[in-house]
Each structure stands twice: as structure tokens, then as C-alpha cells.
Amino acid sequence: MSAVTLSTVVAVGGGAASAANPQIARNALATEISSAADLAVSAYDQYAATGDLADYLDYAAERAATARLAARELGYNEFAMIDAWRTTPLDHQRAVLAAMSQVGVPYRRLSSAEDEGFDCSGLTSFAWRQAGFEIARQSGSQIKAAEKLTRETATAGDLVYYPGHVMMYLGVGDAVVHSVQTGRSVEVDLISGRRRNSVRWGDPTH
């Protein structure tokens, strides 16, 4: 199957809708992804608190498990996704995992509430706040303040923007995590083909 087919979200009746709200379309592996990310976040925070090698190895295993599920959802190479997350800076890793822990949470306009709802910039501001960075709440302000990057220099956790919408890059190909629109959820997804050559990239930590 193609990556586009694998990343399609299905509304009520399609078998991938939330049990809590069957009208919300979401990734087929949303529950598995968010659960794995929760474990990775906890392991990251344990390692950050202790600095112990054993805790780092536990974290690395949970991070890899989350990356593997994201790659599987999108039809991407699992080892490429695992490596992209492994090699991005630690603060970027923490932001990615925070966003991934919210996969399946409904889109909610003007919201940035953990486990409840996000709009696009609400998700990115939440994720980066979990990594220790306060960034602007509006999508345009986020990309304007970020260090300008290119597709070639962007890494997992960086911002991907087109007018009116901001996403978080997952480090491989066109893979992103974002909160899309009413009726959908926080999803791992692909940059729209018609947007692929016109998006802007930025590192919010600089």
C-alpha cells in the first residue's frame, strides 16, 4: 500500500474513529502511538532527572517504539524514522514525543489543552512548552520567530508552515504531526502534495 493510503484517517463507520467521539476521524494506530509516546515521555523525564545510562537506554527503547509506530502508520521505513528521532537534539525529541502523546485528541479551535483539544498552533506551542520553550501561540508568529531552515537542514521537531497552518516535522520525507481541522484530530500525516514545495521550515529554539 502507498504511504498516502496508510496515512488516511477514517470517519465514523470506517473503523478508525474514537470510541469516545465516533465523529472524529483519526489515525488507525492513534491509540498505540499515543500510548507509546506517553511511555517515552515518562522515560525521557526519568533520564533527564537522573542522567543514568540505564535510564537513557530505557528511554531510547520507548522512543524507538513510538517512531516505529509512526513510520508504520505512514508507510515509511521504520529504521529511518527511528534514526531521525535519535539524531535530533534532545529538546526536539521531547517536543516530538509531547506532540505524539496527543495523537487522536480532537481538533478544537483556539484550544491548547492536553488530552482535550488543540488547534494547529495550540499543539506546537504545547509540545514545545513541554520541552521547556515558550513559543508564540499564533502559527504565523511561531514561524516568524523561528530560525529559518530548509527541508535539507530541518530535523524532527522543527516547524513546518504554510499560511494559516503550522505542523511539526517528524524528520523523514513529508512526515508531520499536526492538528488539522474540525472533524479531525491530532494526526501523523504527510505534507499535502500541493504544499510540498511552498512550505516554510523553522527551528523554534533559536
C-alpha atoms as a PDB file:
ATOM      1  CA  MET A   1       0.000   0.000   0.000  1.00  0.00           C
ATOM      2  CA  SER A   2       1.132   3.559  -0.583  1.00  0.00           C
ATOM      3  CA  ALA A   3       2.058   5.995   2.169  1.00  0.00           C
ATOM      4  CA  VAL A   4      -0.964   8.121   1.295  1.00  0.00           C
ATOM      5  CA  THR A   5      -3.283   5.139   1.712  1.00  0.00           C
ATOM      6  CA  LEU A   6      -1.729   4.169   5.018  1.00  0.00           C
ATOM      7  CA  SER A   7      -1.975   7.667   6.447  1.00  0.00           C
ATOM      8  CA  THR A   8      -5.621   8.170   5.566  1.00  0.00           C
ATOM      9  CA  VAL A   9      -7.897   8.837   8.542  1.00  0.00           C
ATOM     10  CA  VAL A  10     -11.388   7.396   8.525  1.00  0.00           C
ATOM     11  CA  ALA A  11     -14.542   8.931   9.964  1.00  0.00           C
ATOM     12  CA  VAL A  12     -17.457   7.172  11.655  1.00  0.00           C
ATOM     13  CA  GLY A  13     -18.199   3.817  10.096  1.00  0.00           C
ATOM     14  CA  GLY A  14     -14.640   3.371   8.843  1.00  0.00           C
ATOM     15  CA  GLY A  15     -13.251   1.580  11.864  1.00  0.00           C
ATOM     16  CA  ALA A  16     -10.697   4.193  12.982  1.00  0.00           C
ATOM     17  CA  ALA A  17     -12.895   6.627  14.858  1.00  0.00           C
ATOM     18  CA  SER A  18     -12.509   7.418  18.543  1.00  0.00           C
ATOM     19  CA  ALA A  19     -14.696   5.377  20.869  1.00  0.00           C
ATOM     20  CA  ALA A  20     -15.232   8.480  22.974  1.00  0.00           C
ATOM     21  CA  ASN A  21     -16.282  10.560  19.984  1.00  0.00           C
ATOM     22  CA  PRO A  22     -17.060   8.455  16.922  1.00  0.00           C
ATOM     23  CA  GLN A  23     -17.431  11.523  14.723  1.00  0.00           C
ATOM     24  CA  ILE A  24     -13.739  12.407  14.986  1.00  0.00           C
ATOM     25  CA  ALA A  25     -11.511  10.983  12.239  1.00  0.00           C
ATOM     26  CA  ARG A  26      -8.108   9.805  13.388  1.00  0.00           C
ATOM     27  CA  ASN A  27      -5.134   7.624  12.506  1.00  0.00           C
ATOM     28  CA  ALA A  28      -5.687   3.882  12.540  1.00  0.00           C
ATOM     29  CA  LEU A  29      -2.812   3.491  15.039  1.00  0.00           C
ATOM     30  CA  ALA A  30      -3.687   6.552  17.122  1.00  0.00           C
ATOM     31  CA  THR A  31      -4.187   4.678  20.392  1.00  0.00           C
ATOM     32  CA  GLU A  32      -0.979   2.706  20.008  1.00  0.00           C
ATOM     33  CA  ILE A  33       1.032   5.796  19.041  1.00  0.00           C
ATOM     34  CA  SER A  34      -0.200   7.972  21.908  1.00  0.00           C
ATOM     35  CA  SER A  35       0.286   5.173  24.443  1.00  0.00           C
ATOM     36  CA  ALA A  36       3.845   4.520  23.261  1.00  0.00           C
ATOM     37  CA  ALA A  37       4.597   8.253  23.338  1.00  0.00           C
ATOM     38  CA  ASP A  38       3.312   8.524  26.909  1.00  0.00           C
ATOM     39  CA  LEU A  39       5.761   5.813  27.934  1.00  0.00           C
ATOM     40  CA  ALA A  40       8.581   7.543  26.057  1.00  0.00           C
ATOM     41  CA  VAL A  41       7.808  10.891  27.719  1.00  0.00           C
ATOM     42  CA  SER A  42       7.931   9.275  31.161  1.00  0.00           C
ATOM     43  CA  ALA A  43      11.196   7.535  30.308  1.00  0.00           C
ATOM     44  CA  TYR A  44      12.685  10.784  28.954  1.00  0.00           C
ATOM     45  CA  ASP A  45      11.767  12.657  32.123  1.00  0.00           C
ATOM     46  CA  GLN A  46      13.285   9.898  34.259  1.00  0.00           C
ATOM     47  CA  TYR A  47      16.519  10.068  32.287  1.00  0.00           C
ATOM     48  CA  ALA A  48      16.543  13.881  32.464  1.00  0.00           C
ATOM     49  CA  ALA A  49      16.215  13.652  36.243  1.00  0.00           C
ATOM     50  CA  THR A  50      18.965  11.063  36.790  1.00  0.00           C
ATOM     51  CA  GLY A  51      21.313  11.157  33.818  1.00  0.00           C
ATOM     52  CA  ASP A  52      21.824   7.425  34.301  1.00  0.00           C
ATOM     53  CA  LEU A  53      22.812   5.296  31.320  1.00  0.00           C
ATOM     54  CA  ALA A  54      20.259   2.635  32.234  1.00  0.00           C
ATOM     55  CA  ASP A  55      17.506   5.251  32.206  1.00  0.00           C
ATOM     56  CA  TYR A  56      18.729   6.539  28.844  1.00  0.00           C
ATOM     57  CA  LEU A  57      18.596   3.043  27.375  1.00  0.00           C
ATOM     58  CA  ASP A  58      15.033   2.637  28.646  1.00  0.00           C
ATOM     59  CA  TYR A  59      14.146   5.971  27.071  1.00  0.00           C
ATOM     60  CA  ALA A  60      15.817   5.084  23.767  1.00  0.00           C
ATOM     61  CA  ALA A  61      13.781   1.882  23.572  1.00  0.00           C
ATOM     62  CA  GLU A  62      10.486   3.707  24.191  1.00  0.00           C
ATOM     63  CA  ARG A  63      11.411   6.462  21.713  1.00  0.00           C
ATOM     64  CA  ALA A  64      12.185   3.835  19.066  1.00  0.00           C
ATOM     65  CA  ALA A  65       8.884   2.065  19.720  1.00  0.00           C
ATOM     66  CA  THR A  66       6.974   5.309  19.140  1.00  0.00           C
ATOM     67  CA  ALA A  67       8.935   6.139  15.996  1.00  0.00           C
ATOM     68  CA  ARG A  68       8.322   2.639  14.659  1.00  0.00           C
ATOM     69  CA  LEU A  69       4.561   3.040  15.028  1.00  0.00           C
ATOM     70  CA  ALA A  70       4.607   6.467  13.356  1.00  0.00           C
ATOM     71  CA  ALA A  71       6.556   5.041  10.428  1.00  0.00           C
ATOM     72  CA  ARG A  72       4.180   2.107  10.163  1.00  0.00           C
ATOM     73  CA  GLU A  73       1.180   4.452  10.080  1.00  0.00           C
ATOM     74  CA  LEU A  74       2.692   6.402   7.206  1.00  0.00           C
ATOM     75  CA  GLY A  75       4.240   3.520   5.286  1.00  0.00           C
ATOM     76  CA  TYR A  76       7.752   4.852   5.876  1.00  0.00           C
ATOM     77  CA  ASN A  77      10.918   2.919   6.682  1.00  0.00           C
ATOM     78  CA  GLU A  78      10.917   2.260  10.431  1.00  0.00           C
ATOM     79  CA  PHE A  79      14.690   2.475  10.810  1.00  0.00           C
ATOM     80  CA  ALA A  80      14.777   5.844   9.033  1.00  0.00           C
ATOM     81  CA  MET A  81      12.189   7.267  11.445  1.00  0.00           C
ATOM     82  CA  ILE A  82      13.945   5.787  14.471  1.00  0.00           C
ATOM     83  CA  ASP A  83      17.262   7.282  13.335  1.00  0.00           C
ATOM     84  CA  ALA A  84      15.714  10.691  12.598  1.00  0.00           C
ATOM     85  CA  TRP A  85      14.404  10.926  16.141  1.00  0.00           C
ATOM     86  CA  ARG A  86      17.602   9.563  17.672  1.00  0.00           C
ATOM     87  CA  THR A  87      19.798  12.174  15.999  1.00  0.00           C
ATOM     88  CA  THR A  88      17.683  15.279  16.526  1.00  0.00           C
ATOM     89  CA  PRO A  89      18.574  17.343  19.656  1.00  0.00           C
ATOM     90  CA  LEU A  90      17.124  16.149  22.954  1.00  0.00           C
ATOM     91  CA  ASP A  91      14.823  19.150  23.304  1.00  0.00           C
ATOM     92  CA  HIS A  92      13.445  18.378  19.840  1.00  0.00           C
ATOM     93  CA  GLN A  93      12.929  14.755  20.888  1.00  0.00           C
ATOM     94  CA  ARG A  94      10.928  15.859  23.922  1.00  0.00           C
ATOM     95  CA  ALA A  95       8.762  18.162  21.802  1.00  0.00           C
ATOM     96  CA  VAL A  96       8.091  15.441  19.226  1.00  0.00           C
ATOM     97  CA  LEU A  97       7.083  12.967  21.905  1.00  0.00           C
ATOM     98  CA  ALA A  98       4.814  15.504  23.599  1.00  0.00           C
ATOM     99  CA  ALA A  99       3.010  16.065  20.299  1.00  0.00           C
ATOM    100  CA  MET A 100       2.841  12.336  19.617  1.00  0.00           C
ATOM    101  CA  SER A 101       1.289  11.729  23.033  1.00  0.00           C
ATOM    102  CA  GLN A 102      -1.693  13.758  21.794  1.00  0.00           C
ATOM    103  CA  VAL A 103      -2.319  11.807  18.584  1.00  0.00           C
ATOM    104  CA  GLY A 104      -6.047  11.076  18.439  1.00  0.00           C
ATOM    105  CA  VAL A 105      -7.062  14.097  20.537  1.00  0.00           C
ATOM    106  CA  PRO A 106      -9.764  16.118  18.714  1.00  0.00           C
ATOM    107  CA  TYR A 107      -9.100  19.341  16.861  1.00  0.00           C
ATOM    108  CA  ARG A 108     -10.536  22.233  18.832  1.00  0.00           C
ATOM    109  CA  ARG A 109     -10.359  25.807  17.613  1.00  0.00           C
ATOM    110  CA  LEU A 110      -8.465  28.259  19.837  1.00  0.00           C
ATOM    111  CA  SER A 111      -7.522  25.451  22.207  1.00  0.00           C
ATOM    112  CA  SER A 112      -4.296  24.055  23.634  1.00  0.00           C
ATOM    113  CA  ALA A 113      -5.496  21.629  26.279  1.00  0.00           C
ATOM    114  CA  GLU A 114      -3.645  18.371  26.925  1.00  0.00           C
ATOM    115  CA  ASP A 115      -5.810  15.298  26.241  1.00  0.00           C
ATOM    116  CA  GLU A 116      -8.767  17.545  25.398  1.00  0.00           C
ATOM    117  CA  GLY A 117      -8.231  19.502  22.192  1.00  0.00           C
ATOM    118  CA  PHE A 118      -5.835  21.538  20.046  1.00  0.00           C
ATOM    119  CA  ASP A 119      -5.770  23.757  17.040  1.00  0.00           C
ATOM    120  CA  CYS A 120      -2.614  23.675  14.938  1.00  0.00           C
ATOM    121  CA  SER A 121      -0.561  26.258  16.821  1.00  0.00           C
ATOM    122  CA  GLY A 122      -2.020  25.071  20.107  1.00  0.00           C
ATOM    123  CA  LEU A 123      -0.402  21.698  19.515  1.00  0.00           C
ATOM    124  CA  THR A 124       3.022  23.066  18.574  1.00  0.00           C
ATOM    125  CA  SER A 125       3.061  25.553  21.452  1.00  0.00           C
ATOM    126  CA  PHE A 126       2.039  22.785  23.870  1.00  0.00           C
ATOM    127  CA  ALA A 127       4.712  20.411  22.574  1.00  0.00           C
ATOM    128  CA  TRP A 128       7.489  22.946  22.784  1.00  0.00           C
ATOM    129  CA  ARG A 129       6.356  24.104  26.220  1.00  0.00           C
ATOM    130  CA  GLN A 130       6.818  20.513  27.404  1.00  0.00           C
ATOM    131  CA  ALA A 131      10.384  20.746  26.080  1.00  0.00           C
ATOM    132  CA  GLY A 132      10.980  23.933  28.076  1.00  0.00           C
ATOM    133  CA  PHE A 133      10.393  26.561  25.372  1.00  0.00           C
ATOM    134  CA  GLU A 134       7.633  29.151  25.375  1.00  0.00           C
ATOM    135  CA  ILE A 135       6.768  29.989  21.784  1.00  0.00           C
ATOM    136  CA  ALA A 136       4.107  32.270  20.364  1.00  0.00           C
ATOM    137  CA  ARG A 137       0.536  30.998  20.269  1.00  0.00           C
ATOM    138  CA  GLN A 138      -0.196  32.003  16.646  1.00  0.00           C
ATOM    139  CA  SER A 139       1.121  29.969  13.708  1.00  0.00           C
ATOM    140  CA  GLY A 140       2.464  32.946  11.760  1.00  0.00           C
ATOM    141  CA  SER A 141       4.238  34.309  14.818  1.00  0.00           C
ATOM    142  CA  GLN A 142       5.767  30.908  15.532  1.00  0.00           C
ATOM    143  CA  ILE A 143       7.406  30.584  12.143  1.00  0.00           C
ATOM    144  CA  LYS A 144       8.422  34.244  12.055  1.00  0.00           C
ATOM    145  CA  ALA A 145      10.315  33.897  15.340  1.00  0.00           C
ATOM    146  CA  ALA A 146      11.932  30.574  14.396  1.00  0.00           C
ATOM    147  CA  GLU A 147      15.352  30.241  12.809  1.00  0.00           C
ATOM    148  CA  LYS A 148      14.857  29.814   9.073  1.00  0.00           C
ATOM    149  CA  LEU A 149      15.676  26.344   7.791  1.00  0.00           C
ATOM    150  CA  THR A 150      15.350  24.368   4.574  1.00  0.00           C
ATOM    151  CA  ARG A 151      13.963  20.895   4.058  1.00  0.00           C
ATOM    152  CA  GLU A 152      17.574  19.673   3.968  1.00  0.00           C
ATOM    153  CA  THR A 153      18.511  21.269   7.300  1.00  0.00           C
ATOM    154  CA  ALA A 154      15.265  20.646   9.203  1.00  0.00           C
ATOM    155  CA  THR A 155      15.182  17.844  11.769  1.00  0.00           C
ATOM    156  CA  ALA A 156      12.455  16.127  13.755  1.00  0.00           C
ATOM    157  CA  GLY A 157      10.643  18.631  15.952  1.00  0.00           C
ATOM    158  CA  ASP A 158      11.122  21.665  13.717  1.00  0.00           C
ATOM    159  CA  LEU A 159       8.145  23.668  12.497  1.00  0.00           C
ATOM    160  CA  VAL A 160       6.629  23.322   9.035  1.00  0.00           C
ATOM    161  CA  TYR A 161       4.364  26.178   7.982  1.00  0.00           C
ATOM    162  CA  TYR A 162       2.135  27.395   5.236  1.00  0.00           C
ATOM    163  CA  PRO A 163      -0.155  30.432   5.625  1.00  0.00           C
ATOM    164  CA  GLY A 164      -2.742  29.663   8.266  1.00  0.00           C
ATOM    165  CA  HIS A 165      -1.322  26.330   9.398  1.00  0.00           C
ATOM    166  CA  VAL A 166       1.690  25.056  11.346  1.00  0.00           C
ATOM    167  CA  MET A 167       2.879  21.460  11.779  1.00  0.00           C
ATOM    168  CA  MET A 168       5.766  19.618  13.440  1.00  0.00           C
ATOM    169  CA  TYR A 169       8.235  17.752  11.243  1.00  0.00           C
ATOM    170  CA  LEU A 170       8.970  14.111  12.028  1.00  0.00           C
ATOM    171  CA  GLY A 171      12.356  14.125  10.320  1.00  0.00           C
ATOM    172  CA  VAL A 172      11.690  11.826   7.354  1.00  0.00           C
ATOM    173  CA  GLY A 173      10.285  12.651   3.927  1.00  0.00           C
ATOM    174  CA  ASP A 174       6.995  14.541   4.218  1.00  0.00           C
ATOM    175  CA  ALA A 175       6.062  13.154   7.645  1.00  0.00           C
ATOM    176  CA  VAL A 176       4.482  15.560  10.138  1.00  0.00           C
ATOM    177  CA  VAL A 177       2.292  15.563  13.213  1.00  0.00           C
ATOM    178  CA  HIS A 178      -0.383  18.255  13.325  1.00  0.00           C
ATOM    179  CA  SER A 179      -3.869  19.175  14.435  1.00  0.00           C
ATOM    180  CA  VAL A 180      -5.714  19.582  11.196  1.00  0.00           C
ATOM    181  CA  GLN A 181      -9.263  20.881  11.239  1.00  0.00           C
ATOM    182  CA  THR A 182     -12.712  20.467  12.746  1.00  0.00           C
ATOM    183  CA  GLY A 183     -13.877  16.883  12.469  1.00  0.00           C
ATOM    184  CA  ARG A 184     -10.357  15.506  12.624  1.00  0.00           C
ATOM    185  CA  SER A 185      -7.734  15.053  15.310  1.00  0.00           C
ATOM    186  CA  VAL A 186      -4.059  15.350  16.102  1.00  0.00           C
ATOM    187  CA  GLU A 187      -2.599  13.084  13.424  1.00  0.00           C
ATOM    188  CA  VAL A 188       0.608  11.818  11.941  1.00  0.00           C
ATOM    189  CA  ASP A 189       0.275  12.737   8.307  1.00  0.00           C
ATOM    190  CA  LEU A 190       2.064  13.799   5.134  1.00  0.00           C
ATOM    191  CA  ILE A 191       2.586  17.343   3.901  1.00  0.00           C
ATOM    192  CA  SER A 192      -0.025  17.937   1.235  1.00  0.00           C
ATOM    193  CA  GLY A 193       1.378  17.447  -2.257  1.00  0.00           C
ATOM    194  CA  ARG A 194       0.225  20.867  -3.389  1.00  0.00           C
ATOM    195  CA  ARG A 195       2.013  22.448  -0.398  1.00  0.00           C
ATOM    196  CA  ARG A 196       5.211  20.411  -0.575  1.00  0.00           C
ATOM    197  CA  ASN A 197       7.314  22.962  -2.443  1.00  0.00           C
ATOM    198  CA  SER A 198       5.944  26.086  -0.764  1.00  0.00           C
ATOM    199  CA  VAL A 199       6.105  25.367   2.977  1.00  0.00           C
ATOM    200  CA  ARG A 200       8.481  27.195   5.294  1.00  0.00           C
ATOM    201  CA  TRP A 201      10.675  25.440   7.847  1.00  0.00           C
ATOM    202  CA  GLY A 202      11.919  26.785  11.183  1.00  0.00           C
ATOM    203  CA  ASP A 203      13.646  25.850  14.436  1.00  0.00           C
ATOM    204  CA  PRO A 204      11.761  27.451  17.352  1.00  0.00           C
ATOM    205  CA  THR A 205      14.694  27.028  19.755  1.00  0.00           C
ATOM    206  CA  HIS A 206      16.748  29.790  18.068  1.00  0.00           C
END
